[in-house]
Each structure stands twice: as structure tokens, then as C-alpha cells.
Protein backbone atom coordinates (compact mmCIF):
# COMPACT_ATOMS: atom_id res chain seq x y z
CA MET A 1 -8.74 -14.76 7.47
CA ASN A 2 -5.76 -13.96 5.37
CA LEU A 3 -5.66 -10.65 3.73
CA ASN A 4 -3.15 -9.39 1.13
CA ILE A 5 -2.93 -5.72 1.02
CA VAL A 6 -0.95 -3.28 -1.35
CA CYS A 7 -0.08 -0.13 0.08
CA ILE A 8 0.61 2.94 -1.97
CA PRO A 9 2.42 5.25 0.37
CA GLY A 10 3.01 7.79 -2.57
CA ASP A 11 4.87 10.84 -1.50
CA GLY A 12 4.47 14.23 0.61
CA ILE A 13 2.35 13.09 3.71
CA GLY A 14 1.21 9.94 2.12
CA PRO A 15 3.84 7.57 3.77
CA GLU A 16 3.00 9.09 7.19
CA ILE A 17 -0.70 8.23 6.71
CA VAL A 18 -0.17 4.76 5.38
CA ALA A 19 2.10 3.92 8.36
CA GLU A 20 -0.56 4.94 10.73
CA ALA A 21 -3.46 3.27 8.73
CA ARG A 22 -1.53 0.23 8.80
CA LYS A 23 -1.25 0.30 12.62
CA VAL A 24 -4.86 0.69 12.91
CA LEU A 25 -5.40 -2.27 10.35
CA ASP A 26 -2.97 -4.39 12.51
CA GLN A 27 -4.88 -3.82 15.52
CA VAL A 28 -8.24 -4.93 14.22
CA ALA A 29 -6.52 -7.85 12.61
CA LEU A 30 -5.27 -8.90 16.09
CA LYS A 31 -8.79 -8.32 17.80
CA TYR A 32 -10.66 -10.45 14.94
CA GLY A 33 -7.86 -13.13 14.33
CA HIS A 34 -6.84 -11.99 10.95
CA ASN A 35 -3.52 -12.04 9.24
CA ILE A 36 -2.50 -9.26 6.97
CA SER A 37 0.40 -9.38 4.53
CA TYR A 38 1.42 -5.84 3.11
CA LYS A 39 3.57 -5.17 0.00
CA ASP A 40 4.24 -1.42 -0.86
CA ILE A 41 4.43 -0.42 -4.42
CA LEU A 42 5.44 3.01 -5.92
CA MET A 43 3.07 5.79 -7.35
CA GLY A 44 3.45 9.55 -8.29
CA GLY A 45 6.93 11.07 -7.68
CA ALA A 46 8.41 8.24 -6.16
CA SER A 47 7.85 5.97 -9.05
CA ILE A 48 9.05 8.49 -11.28
CA ASP A 49 12.30 9.23 -9.50
CA ALA A 50 12.86 5.15 -9.25
CA CYS A 51 11.19 4.05 -12.64
CA GLY A 52 10.97 6.85 -14.74
CA GLU A 53 7.14 6.74 -14.98
CA PRO A 54 4.36 7.63 -12.20
CA LEU A 55 2.63 4.05 -12.27
CA THR A 56 4.25 1.00 -13.90
CA ASP A 57 2.51 -1.95 -15.26
CA ASP A 58 4.12 -4.26 -12.84
CA ALA A 59 2.48 -1.85 -10.03
CA ILE A 60 -0.74 -2.07 -11.51
CA ALA A 61 -0.65 -5.79 -11.96
CA THR A 62 0.27 -6.25 -8.09
CA ALA A 63 -2.48 -3.92 -6.92
CA LYS A 64 -5.04 -5.71 -9.08
CA ALA A 65 -3.99 -8.89 -7.50
CA ALA A 66 -4.42 -7.83 -3.93
CA ASP A 67 -7.43 -8.20 -1.83
CA ALA A 68 -7.10 -4.36 -1.12
CA VAL A 69 -5.30 -1.28 -1.83
CA LEU A 70 -4.38 1.35 0.77
CA MET A 71 -3.37 4.55 -0.90
CA GLY A 72 -1.72 7.66 0.73
CA SER A 73 -1.63 10.91 -0.89
CA ILE A 74 0.25 11.42 -3.92
């Protein structure tokens, strides 16, 4: 099975949480023969700093097109 997962690390402790969650997902995928493709998008303060708004329309479209969204703390 091929999975497309969008990750929203956010800010604060979110990036650390998402990094560890990805390690768990990678091990599950390895055990069951799945392939996971990750794409990071910005939200919250990180998005405000980079794009001037907390969540862009492009980020929303990317998340909606994914099989799942893994969101860290904002």
C-alpha cells in the first residue's frame, strides 16, 4: 500500500513530536510492507513567518489531497 501523508510540524514542540511519530509510522510501514511518502506544510507561527498567514490555501489543498494528515502542536 502506498500512503501519502501530509505532516504539519507546527511550532513549539510540534516538530519534535512529528519527527518521532514519523519514525513510528516508518517502522509500521516496514513491518507490513507499506510505502509512505511525506510532505511537510506550514501552519501557525511558522506559516505566518514564511507566508504572512497562519494557513495558506495551498496548504489546505495539499492536506485535502493527502491520505492522512499528521499534525503536531501549534
